[in-house]
């Protein structure tokens, strides 16, 4: 029988390759791998405690509760939405993706994570802004446009509210303070 594992904090391609490398080293046959989810083939000898130890060493965790799985899926969906520069309204996007009312998803997320989905999305966007500023390829207006801000002054205000400094001040820093995506919330 195939084994499906839901893994917390697996939020980027580097996370996927780390998980896949560790699973292969333990002798598991990975049938499919996507952010937050791994399907092991029927031939994989499953040792839950050994696998959990290895995953925890890298900051991951096997999710066993359905609510936690849904919360992790919401986080991954919001991360992908930002990475794909999908400018659809967050409530419509999640409602369509999960075929559940946004109100129910939002209440569950807030109760579990202690912040709203909107606040989570803003925090992710600010981290993306920091990344784009560091890369130095786009000006502030282009960054604002790529992340679906109506104008750069709206982004500038939100950036300052979230970080306490302006985007220009951040750009001029020698030591950029960025959070990893799995460290948000």
N, C-alpha and C. Protein backbone atom coordinates (compact mmCIF):
# COMPACT_ATOMS: atom_id res chain seq x y z
N UNK A 1 0.84 -1.18 0.00
CA UNK A 1 0.00 0.00 0.00
C UNK A 1 0.89 1.25 0.00
N UNK A 2 0.52 2.22 -0.81
CA UNK A 2 1.25 3.48 -0.86
C UNK A 2 1.05 4.23 0.46
N UNK A 3 2.07 4.97 0.85
CA UNK A 3 2.00 5.78 2.06
C UNK A 3 2.08 7.24 1.67
N UNK A 4 1.12 8.03 2.12
CA UNK A 4 1.13 9.47 1.88
C UNK A 4 1.50 10.17 3.18
N UNK A 5 2.50 11.02 3.11
CA UNK A 5 2.95 11.79 4.27
C UNK A 5 2.74 13.27 3.99
N UNK A 6 2.22 13.96 4.98
CA UNK A 6 2.10 15.41 4.91
C UNK A 6 3.18 15.96 5.82
N UNK A 7 3.98 16.87 5.28
CA UNK A 7 5.16 17.34 6.00
C UNK A 7 5.10 18.84 6.21
N UNK A 8 5.17 19.22 7.47
CA UNK A 8 5.13 20.63 7.86
C UNK A 8 6.48 21.28 7.57
N UNK A 9 6.43 22.54 7.13
CA UNK A 9 7.60 23.39 6.85
C UNK A 9 8.32 23.04 5.55
N UNK A 10 7.76 22.20 4.73
CA UNK A 10 8.36 21.89 3.43
C UNK A 10 7.75 22.90 2.44
N UNK A 11 8.39 24.08 2.34
CA UNK A 11 7.77 25.21 1.65
C UNK A 11 8.53 25.73 0.44
N UNK A 12 9.61 25.07 0.07
CA UNK A 12 10.38 25.55 -1.08
C UNK A 12 11.04 24.37 -1.79
N UNK A 13 11.61 24.62 -2.94
CA UNK A 13 12.27 23.55 -3.71
C UNK A 13 13.47 22.97 -2.98
N UNK A 14 14.18 23.79 -2.23
CA UNK A 14 15.31 23.29 -1.45
C UNK A 14 14.82 22.33 -0.37
N UNK A 15 13.67 22.65 0.22
CA UNK A 15 13.06 21.75 1.21
C UNK A 15 12.72 20.40 0.56
N UNK A 16 12.13 20.48 -0.64
CA UNK A 16 11.77 19.25 -1.34
C UNK A 16 13.00 18.38 -1.60
N UNK A 17 14.09 18.99 -2.06
CA UNK A 17 15.27 18.17 -2.36
C UNK A 17 15.90 17.61 -1.09
N UNK A 18 15.83 18.34 0.01
CA UNK A 18 16.35 17.83 1.28
C UNK A 18 15.55 16.61 1.72
N UNK A 19 14.22 16.73 1.67
CA UNK A 19 13.36 15.62 2.07
C UNK A 19 13.59 14.41 1.16
N UNK A 20 13.64 14.65 -0.13
CA UNK A 20 13.85 13.55 -1.07
C UNK A 20 15.20 12.87 -0.84
N UNK A 21 16.23 13.65 -0.62
CA UNK A 21 17.56 13.08 -0.36
C UNK A 21 17.55 12.20 0.89
N UNK A 22 16.91 12.69 1.95
CA UNK A 22 16.87 11.92 3.20
C UNK A 22 16.02 10.66 3.05
N UNK A 23 14.91 10.76 2.33
CA UNK A 23 14.08 9.57 2.11
C UNK A 23 14.84 8.52 1.31
N UNK A 24 15.53 8.96 0.27
CA UNK A 24 16.32 8.03 -0.54
C UNK A 24 17.43 7.38 0.29
N UNK A 25 18.07 8.15 1.15
CA UNK A 25 19.14 7.62 2.01
C UNK A 25 18.61 6.56 2.97
N UNK A 26 17.34 6.69 3.36
CA UNK A 26 16.73 5.69 4.26
C UNK A 26 16.16 4.50 3.49
N UNK A 27 16.25 4.52 2.17
CA UNK A 27 15.77 3.40 1.37
C UNK A 27 14.33 3.48 0.92
N UNK A 28 13.73 4.65 1.07
CA UNK A 28 12.34 4.83 0.63
C UNK A 28 12.30 5.10 -0.87
N UNK A 29 11.27 4.59 -1.53
CA UNK A 29 11.04 4.90 -2.94
C UNK A 29 9.98 6.00 -3.01
N UNK A 30 10.38 7.16 -3.48
CA UNK A 30 9.47 8.30 -3.57
C UNK A 30 8.73 8.21 -4.90
N UNK A 31 7.42 8.08 -4.81
CA UNK A 31 6.61 8.03 -6.02
C UNK A 31 6.27 9.43 -6.51
N UNK A 32 5.93 10.31 -5.58
CA UNK A 32 5.70 11.70 -5.95
C UNK A 32 6.05 12.60 -4.77
N UNK A 33 6.43 13.81 -5.12
CA UNK A 33 6.88 14.77 -4.11
C UNK A 33 6.43 16.15 -4.53
N UNK A 34 5.73 16.82 -3.66
CA UNK A 34 5.34 18.21 -3.90
C UNK A 34 5.44 18.93 -2.57
N UNK A 35 5.32 20.22 -2.59
CA UNK A 35 5.43 20.99 -1.35
C UNK A 35 4.44 20.46 -0.33
N UNK A 36 4.96 20.05 0.82
CA UNK A 36 4.12 19.60 1.92
C UNK A 36 3.60 18.18 1.83
N UNK A 37 3.90 17.46 0.76
CA UNK A 37 3.31 16.12 0.58
C UNK A 37 4.27 15.20 -0.16
N UNK A 38 4.39 13.96 0.38
CA UNK A 38 5.21 12.93 -0.24
C UNK A 38 4.38 11.65 -0.33
N UNK A 39 4.45 11.00 -1.47
CA UNK A 39 3.82 9.68 -1.62
C UNK A 39 4.95 8.68 -1.81
N UNK A 40 4.98 7.69 -0.91
CA UNK A 40 5.98 6.63 -0.98
C UNK A 40 5.38 5.43 -1.67
N UNK A 41 6.18 4.73 -2.46
CA UNK A 41 5.68 3.56 -3.19
C UNK A 41 5.39 2.41 -2.24
N UNK A 42 4.70 1.43 -2.75
CA UNK A 42 4.33 0.26 -1.96
C UNK A 42 5.56 -0.50 -1.46
N UNK A 43 6.67 -0.38 -2.18
CA UNK A 43 7.88 -1.13 -1.84
C UNK A 43 8.69 -0.50 -0.71
N UNK A 44 8.27 0.65 -0.21
CA UNK A 44 9.04 1.35 0.80
C UNK A 44 8.77 0.77 2.19
N UNK A 45 9.83 0.34 2.87
CA UNK A 45 9.66 -0.15 4.25
C UNK A 45 9.47 1.05 5.17
N UNK A 46 8.31 1.19 5.77
CA UNK A 46 8.00 2.41 6.51
C UNK A 46 8.37 2.29 7.99
N UNK A 47 9.25 3.15 8.46
CA UNK A 47 9.63 3.22 9.86
C UNK A 47 9.40 4.66 10.31
N UNK A 48 8.24 4.89 10.90
CA UNK A 48 7.80 6.24 11.24
C UNK A 48 8.75 6.96 12.20
N UNK A 49 9.21 6.28 13.25
CA UNK A 49 10.04 6.97 14.25
C UNK A 49 11.40 7.36 13.68
N UNK A 50 12.00 6.49 12.87
CA UNK A 50 13.29 6.81 12.24
C UNK A 50 13.13 8.00 11.28
N UNK A 51 12.08 7.96 10.49
CA UNK A 51 11.82 9.03 9.54
C UNK A 51 11.56 10.35 10.26
N UNK A 52 10.77 10.32 11.32
CA UNK A 52 10.48 11.55 12.07
C UNK A 52 11.75 12.18 12.63
N UNK A 53 12.65 11.37 13.15
CA UNK A 53 13.92 11.90 13.70
C UNK A 53 14.72 12.63 12.63
N UNK A 54 14.83 12.02 11.45
CA UNK A 54 15.58 12.63 10.35
C UNK A 54 14.92 13.94 9.90
N UNK A 55 13.60 13.93 9.76
CA UNK A 55 12.89 15.13 9.32
C UNK A 55 13.03 16.26 10.33
N UNK A 56 12.89 15.94 11.61
CA UNK A 56 13.01 16.95 12.67
C UNK A 56 14.40 17.59 12.65
N UNK A 57 15.41 16.79 12.36
CA UNK A 57 16.79 17.30 12.28
C UNK A 57 16.89 18.45 11.27
N UNK A 58 16.05 18.40 10.23
CA UNK A 58 16.08 19.43 9.18
C UNK A 58 14.96 20.47 9.34
N UNK A 59 14.23 20.43 10.45
CA UNK A 59 13.19 21.42 10.70
C UNK A 59 11.83 21.06 10.13
N UNK A 60 11.65 19.80 9.73
CA UNK A 60 10.37 19.34 9.20
C UNK A 60 9.66 18.50 10.26
N UNK A 61 8.41 18.20 9.97
CA UNK A 61 7.62 17.41 10.90
C UNK A 61 6.51 16.72 10.14
N UNK A 62 6.25 15.47 10.47
CA UNK A 62 5.14 14.76 9.85
C UNK A 62 3.85 15.23 10.51
N UNK A 63 2.89 15.61 9.68
CA UNK A 63 1.60 16.09 10.17
C UNK A 63 0.63 14.92 10.20
N UNK A 64 -0.02 14.75 11.34
CA UNK A 64 -0.94 13.63 11.49
C UNK A 64 -2.39 14.08 11.58
N UNK A 65 -2.62 15.30 11.96
CA UNK A 65 -3.96 15.83 12.18
C UNK A 65 -4.50 16.47 10.90
N UNK A 66 -5.75 16.21 10.57
CA UNK A 66 -6.35 16.74 9.33
C UNK A 66 -6.36 18.27 9.31
N UNK A 67 -6.62 18.88 10.45
CA UNK A 67 -6.63 20.34 10.53
C UNK A 67 -5.24 20.89 10.21
N UNK A 68 -4.22 20.28 10.78
CA UNK A 68 -2.84 20.73 10.51
C UNK A 68 -2.49 20.57 9.03
N UNK A 69 -2.97 19.49 8.42
CA UNK A 69 -2.73 19.28 6.99
C UNK A 69 -3.36 20.41 6.19
N UNK A 70 -4.60 20.77 6.52
CA UNK A 70 -5.29 21.85 5.81
C UNK A 70 -4.56 23.18 6.01
N UNK A 71 -4.13 23.47 7.22
CA UNK A 71 -3.41 24.72 7.50
C UNK A 71 -2.12 24.76 6.68
N UNK A 72 -1.39 23.66 6.65
CA UNK A 72 -0.14 23.61 5.87
C UNK A 72 -0.43 23.78 4.39
N UNK A 73 -1.52 23.17 3.91
CA UNK A 73 -1.92 23.33 2.51
C UNK A 73 -2.27 24.78 2.18
N UNK A 74 -2.92 25.46 3.11
CA UNK A 74 -3.24 26.88 2.92
C UNK A 74 -1.95 27.69 2.81
N UNK A 75 -1.02 27.45 3.72
CA UNK A 75 0.27 28.17 3.69
C UNK A 75 0.98 27.95 2.36
N UNK A 76 1.04 26.72 1.92
CA UNK A 76 1.72 26.40 0.67
C UNK A 76 1.02 27.06 -0.51
N UNK A 77 -0.32 27.06 -0.49
CA UNK A 77 -1.08 27.70 -1.57
C UNK A 77 -0.78 29.20 -1.63
N UNK A 78 -0.71 29.85 -0.48
CA UNK A 78 -0.42 31.29 -0.45
C UNK A 78 1.01 31.56 -0.93
N UNK A 79 1.94 30.72 -0.52
CA UNK A 79 3.33 30.87 -0.98
C UNK A 79 3.40 30.72 -2.50
N UNK A 80 2.76 29.69 -3.03
CA UNK A 80 2.77 29.47 -4.48
C UNK A 80 2.09 30.62 -5.21
N UNK A 81 1.00 31.14 -4.64
CA UNK A 81 0.28 32.26 -5.24
C UNK A 81 1.21 33.46 -5.41
N UNK A 82 1.99 33.74 -4.39
CA UNK A 82 2.93 34.87 -4.45
C UNK A 82 4.07 34.56 -5.43
N UNK A 83 4.62 33.38 -5.35
CA UNK A 83 5.72 33.00 -6.26
C UNK A 83 5.29 33.03 -7.72
N UNK A 84 4.04 32.60 -7.98
CA UNK A 84 3.53 32.57 -9.35
C UNK A 84 3.00 33.93 -9.80
N UNK A 85 3.06 34.92 -8.92
CA UNK A 85 2.55 36.26 -9.18
C UNK A 85 1.09 36.21 -9.64
N UNK A 86 0.32 35.37 -8.96
CA UNK A 86 -1.11 35.25 -9.21
C UNK A 86 -1.79 36.40 -8.47
N UNK A 87 -2.43 37.28 -9.20
CA UNK A 87 -3.00 38.49 -8.60
C UNK A 87 -4.47 38.36 -8.23
N UNK A 88 -4.97 37.14 -8.22
CA UNK A 88 -6.36 36.92 -7.82
C UNK A 88 -6.53 37.26 -6.34
N UNK A 89 -7.70 37.75 -5.98
CA UNK A 89 -8.04 38.04 -4.60
C UNK A 89 -7.82 36.79 -3.75
N UNK A 90 -7.21 36.95 -2.57
CA UNK A 90 -6.85 35.81 -1.73
C UNK A 90 -8.06 34.98 -1.32
N UNK A 91 -9.16 35.63 -0.99
CA UNK A 91 -10.33 34.86 -0.56
C UNK A 91 -10.90 34.03 -1.71
N UNK A 92 -11.01 34.62 -2.89
CA UNK A 92 -11.52 33.87 -4.05
C UNK A 92 -10.56 32.75 -4.43
N UNK A 93 -9.28 33.04 -4.38
CA UNK A 93 -8.25 32.06 -4.71
C UNK A 93 -8.35 30.83 -3.80
N UNK A 94 -8.40 31.05 -2.49
CA UNK A 94 -8.43 29.92 -1.55
C UNK A 94 -9.77 29.20 -1.57
N UNK A 95 -10.83 29.95 -1.72
CA UNK A 95 -12.16 29.32 -1.79
C UNK A 95 -12.23 28.37 -2.97
N UNK A 96 -11.72 28.81 -4.11
CA UNK A 96 -11.72 27.97 -5.31
C UNK A 96 -10.78 26.77 -5.14
N UNK A 97 -9.60 27.01 -4.57
CA UNK A 97 -8.59 25.96 -4.41
C UNK A 97 -9.05 24.85 -3.48
N UNK A 98 -9.72 25.22 -2.39
CA UNK A 98 -10.08 24.23 -1.38
C UNK A 98 -11.56 23.85 -1.39
N UNK A 99 -12.34 24.51 -2.25
CA UNK A 99 -13.76 24.23 -2.35
C UNK A 99 -14.44 24.29 -0.98
N UNK A 100 -14.04 25.28 -0.20
CA UNK A 100 -14.63 25.54 1.12
C UNK A 100 -14.83 27.04 1.24
N UNK A 101 -15.73 27.42 2.11
CA UNK A 101 -15.97 28.86 2.26
C UNK A 101 -14.72 29.52 2.83
N UNK A 102 -14.45 30.72 2.33
CA UNK A 102 -13.28 31.44 2.81
C UNK A 102 -13.42 31.75 4.30
N UNK A 103 -14.62 32.03 4.72
CA UNK A 103 -14.87 32.34 6.13
C UNK A 103 -14.42 31.18 7.02
N UNK A 104 -14.77 29.96 6.64
CA UNK A 104 -14.37 28.78 7.43
C UNK A 104 -12.86 28.60 7.42
N UNK A 105 -12.24 28.76 6.24
CA UNK A 105 -10.79 28.63 6.14
C UNK A 105 -10.09 29.70 6.98
N UNK A 106 -10.60 30.92 6.90
CA UNK A 106 -10.00 32.04 7.62
C UNK A 106 -10.10 31.85 9.14
N UNK A 107 -11.26 31.44 9.61
CA UNK A 107 -11.44 31.22 11.06
C UNK A 107 -10.51 30.12 11.56
N UNK A 108 -10.43 29.04 10.82
CA UNK A 108 -9.57 27.92 11.21
C UNK A 108 -8.10 28.35 11.22
N UNK A 109 -7.68 29.07 10.19
CA UNK A 109 -6.30 29.53 10.09
C UNK A 109 -5.97 30.47 11.26
N UNK A 110 -6.84 31.44 11.52
CA UNK A 110 -6.61 32.41 12.59
C UNK A 110 -6.54 31.72 13.95
N UNK A 111 -7.45 30.79 14.17
CA UNK A 111 -7.49 30.07 15.44
C UNK A 111 -6.23 29.25 15.64
N UNK A 112 -5.78 28.60 14.59
CA UNK A 112 -4.62 27.71 14.69
C UNK A 112 -3.30 28.46 14.70
N UNK A 113 -3.17 29.48 13.85
CA UNK A 113 -1.89 30.15 13.66
C UNK A 113 -1.75 31.47 14.42
N UNK A 114 -2.84 32.01 14.93
CA UNK A 114 -2.76 33.25 15.68
C UNK A 114 -2.60 34.49 14.82
N UNK A 115 -2.84 34.36 13.52
CA UNK A 115 -2.84 35.50 12.61
C UNK A 115 -3.80 35.19 11.47
N UNK A 116 -4.29 36.23 10.83
CA UNK A 116 -5.21 36.03 9.72
C UNK A 116 -4.46 35.58 8.47
N UNK A 117 -5.18 35.04 7.53
CA UNK A 117 -4.59 34.66 6.26
C UNK A 117 -4.06 35.90 5.55
N UNK A 118 -4.79 37.00 5.65
CA UNK A 118 -4.36 38.25 5.01
C UNK A 118 -3.03 38.73 5.59
N UNK A 119 -2.90 38.66 6.91
CA UNK A 119 -1.66 39.07 7.57
C UNK A 119 -0.51 38.14 7.15
N UNK A 120 -0.82 36.86 7.03
CA UNK A 120 0.18 35.89 6.57
C UNK A 120 0.64 36.23 5.15
N UNK A 121 -0.32 36.54 4.28
CA UNK A 121 0.01 36.90 2.90
C UNK A 121 0.86 38.17 2.86
N UNK A 122 0.51 39.16 3.64
CA UNK A 122 1.28 40.41 3.69
C UNK A 122 2.70 40.12 4.16
N UNK A 123 2.84 39.31 5.20
CA UNK A 123 4.16 38.98 5.73
C UNK A 123 5.01 38.28 4.67
N UNK A 124 4.40 37.35 3.94
CA UNK A 124 5.11 36.67 2.86
C UNK A 124 5.51 37.66 1.76
N UNK A 125 4.59 38.55 1.41
CA UNK A 125 4.90 39.53 0.37
C UNK A 125 6.06 40.43 0.79
N UNK A 126 6.09 40.83 2.04
CA UNK A 126 7.18 41.69 2.52
C UNK A 126 8.51 40.94 2.43
N UNK A 127 8.51 39.65 2.75
CA UNK A 127 9.73 38.86 2.61
C UNK A 127 10.14 38.75 1.14
N UNK A 128 9.15 38.64 0.25
CA UNK A 128 9.43 38.61 -1.19
C UNK A 128 10.00 39.96 -1.64
N UNK A 129 9.46 41.04 -1.12
CA UNK A 129 9.97 42.38 -1.44
C UNK A 129 11.44 42.47 -1.02
N UNK A 130 11.75 42.00 0.18
CA UNK A 130 13.14 42.02 0.66
C UNK A 130 14.05 41.26 -0.31
N UNK A 131 13.57 40.09 -0.74
CA UNK A 131 14.35 39.29 -1.69
C UNK A 131 14.58 40.04 -2.99
N UNK A 132 13.52 40.65 -3.52
CA UNK A 132 13.63 41.38 -4.78
C UNK A 132 14.52 42.61 -4.65
N UNK A 133 14.46 43.28 -3.51
CA UNK A 133 15.35 44.42 -3.28
C UNK A 133 16.80 43.94 -3.26
N UNK A 134 17.06 42.82 -2.59
CA UNK A 134 18.41 42.28 -2.54
C UNK A 134 18.94 41.93 -3.92
N UNK A 135 18.07 41.37 -4.77
CA UNK A 135 18.49 40.99 -6.11
C UNK A 135 18.85 42.22 -6.94
N UNK A 136 18.20 43.35 -6.66
CA UNK A 136 18.53 44.60 -7.32
C UNK A 136 18.18 44.69 -8.79
N UNK A 137 17.31 43.81 -9.26
CA UNK A 137 16.96 43.80 -10.69
C UNK A 137 15.80 44.73 -11.02
N UNK A 138 14.92 44.96 -10.05
CA UNK A 138 13.72 45.77 -10.29
C UNK A 138 13.73 47.01 -9.40
N UNK A 139 13.10 48.08 -9.90
CA UNK A 139 12.92 49.24 -9.04
C UNK A 139 11.68 49.01 -8.16
N UNK A 140 11.42 49.92 -7.24
CA UNK A 140 10.33 49.74 -6.29
C UNK A 140 8.96 49.66 -6.98
N UNK A 141 8.78 50.44 -8.03
CA UNK A 141 7.50 50.40 -8.76
C UNK A 141 7.29 49.05 -9.43
N UNK A 142 8.34 48.50 -10.01
CA UNK A 142 8.24 47.19 -10.66
C UNK A 142 7.97 46.09 -9.63
N UNK A 143 8.60 46.21 -8.47
CA UNK A 143 8.36 45.24 -7.40
C UNK A 143 6.90 45.32 -6.95
N UNK A 144 6.42 46.54 -6.76
CA UNK A 144 5.03 46.74 -6.33
C UNK A 144 4.06 46.13 -7.35
N UNK A 145 4.30 46.40 -8.60
CA UNK A 145 3.43 45.89 -9.66
C UNK A 145 3.46 44.36 -9.70
N UNK A 146 4.65 43.76 -9.57
CA UNK A 146 4.77 42.30 -9.65
C UNK A 146 4.06 41.60 -8.49
N UNK A 147 3.87 42.30 -7.39
CA UNK A 147 3.21 41.70 -6.22
C UNK A 147 1.78 42.21 -6.05
N UNK A 148 1.23 42.81 -7.12
CA UNK A 148 -0.17 43.24 -7.17
C UNK A 148 -0.52 44.37 -6.20
N UNK A 149 0.43 45.26 -5.97
CA UNK A 149 0.11 46.48 -5.23
C UNK A 149 -0.35 47.51 -6.25
N UNK A 150 -1.31 48.32 -5.87
CA UNK A 150 -1.86 49.32 -6.80
C UNK A 150 -0.83 50.37 -7.18
N UNK A 151 0.07 50.66 -6.24
CA UNK A 151 1.15 51.60 -6.53
C UNK A 151 2.28 51.39 -5.53
N UNK A 152 3.42 51.97 -5.84
CA UNK A 152 4.58 51.75 -4.98
C UNK A 152 4.44 52.43 -3.62
N UNK A 153 3.64 53.47 -3.52
CA UNK A 153 3.47 54.12 -2.21
C UNK A 153 2.67 53.23 -1.25
N UNK A 154 1.72 52.47 -1.78
CA UNK A 154 0.98 51.52 -0.93
C UNK A 154 1.94 50.45 -0.40
N UNK A 155 2.79 49.93 -1.27
CA UNK A 155 3.78 48.94 -0.84
C UNK A 155 4.75 49.58 0.16
N UNK A 156 5.20 50.78 -0.12
CA UNK A 156 6.16 51.45 0.76
C UNK A 156 5.58 51.62 2.16
N UNK A 157 4.32 52.01 2.23
CA UNK A 157 3.66 52.19 3.54
C UNK A 157 3.55 50.85 4.27
N UNK A 158 3.14 49.81 3.55
CA UNK A 158 2.99 48.49 4.17
C UNK A 158 4.37 47.95 4.60
N UNK A 159 5.39 48.16 3.79
CA UNK A 159 6.75 47.71 4.13
C UNK A 159 7.21 48.38 5.43
N UNK A 160 7.00 49.68 5.51
CA UNK A 160 7.42 50.42 6.71
C UNK A 160 6.64 49.96 7.94
N UNK A 161 5.32 49.72 7.77
CA UNK A 161 4.51 49.23 8.89
C UNK A 161 4.99 47.87 9.39
N UNK A 162 5.39 47.01 8.46
CA UNK A 162 5.82 45.65 8.82
C UNK A 162 7.24 45.59 9.36
N UNK A 163 8.14 46.39 8.81
CA UNK A 163 9.56 46.26 9.15
C UNK A 163 10.08 47.38 10.05
N UNK A 164 9.39 48.51 10.04
CA UNK A 164 9.85 49.65 10.82
C UNK A 164 10.84 50.53 10.09
N UNK A 165 11.22 50.15 8.87
CA UNK A 165 12.13 50.97 8.06
C UNK A 165 11.58 51.08 6.64
N UNK A 166 12.09 52.07 5.93
CA UNK A 166 11.64 52.24 4.55
C UNK A 166 12.35 51.23 3.64
N UNK A 167 11.82 51.07 2.43
CA UNK A 167 12.45 50.17 1.47
C UNK A 167 13.84 50.68 1.10
N UNK A 168 14.00 51.99 1.00
CA UNK A 168 15.31 52.57 0.68
C UNK A 168 16.30 52.27 1.81
N UNK A 169 15.85 52.44 3.05
CA UNK A 169 16.73 52.13 4.18
C UNK A 169 17.13 50.65 4.16
N UNK A 170 16.15 49.79 3.86
CA UNK A 170 16.45 48.35 3.78
C UNK A 170 17.48 48.08 2.68
N UNK A 171 17.28 48.72 1.54
CA UNK A 171 18.19 48.53 0.39
C UNK A 171 19.63 48.92 0.77
N UNK A 172 19.77 49.93 1.60
CA UNK A 172 21.10 50.44 1.97
C UNK A 172 21.74 49.69 3.14
N UNK A 173 21.00 48.78 3.75
CA UNK A 173 21.55 48.01 4.87
C UNK A 173 22.64 47.07 4.37
N UNK A 174 23.60 46.82 5.21
CA UNK A 174 24.63 45.83 4.89
C UNK A 174 24.19 44.44 5.36
N UNK A 175 23.41 44.40 6.41
CA UNK A 175 22.96 43.14 6.99
C UNK A 175 21.45 43.03 6.82
N UNK A 176 21.02 42.35 5.75
CA UNK A 176 19.60 42.23 5.48
C UNK A 176 18.96 41.23 6.41
N UNK A 177 17.88 41.64 7.04
CA UNK A 177 17.16 40.79 7.98
C UNK A 177 15.98 40.16 7.26
N UNK A 178 16.13 38.89 6.92
CA UNK A 178 15.05 38.19 6.24
C UNK A 178 14.67 36.95 7.02
N UNK A 179 13.38 36.62 6.94
CA UNK A 179 12.87 35.41 7.58
C UNK A 179 12.73 34.31 6.53
N UNK A 180 12.97 33.09 6.94
CA UNK A 180 12.69 31.99 6.02
C UNK A 180 11.18 31.79 5.99
N UNK A 181 10.66 31.30 4.86
CA UNK A 181 9.23 31.15 4.72
C UNK A 181 8.63 30.22 5.74
N UNK A 182 9.36 29.18 6.14
CA UNK A 182 8.82 28.27 7.15
C UNK A 182 8.90 28.87 8.55
N UNK A 183 9.57 30.01 8.69
CA UNK A 183 9.66 30.68 9.98
C UNK A 183 8.57 31.71 10.20
N UNK A 184 7.72 31.90 9.21
CA UNK A 184 6.62 32.86 9.34
C UNK A 184 5.45 32.14 9.98
N UNK A 185 4.92 32.71 11.00
CA UNK A 185 3.83 32.20 11.85
C UNK A 185 4.40 31.34 12.93
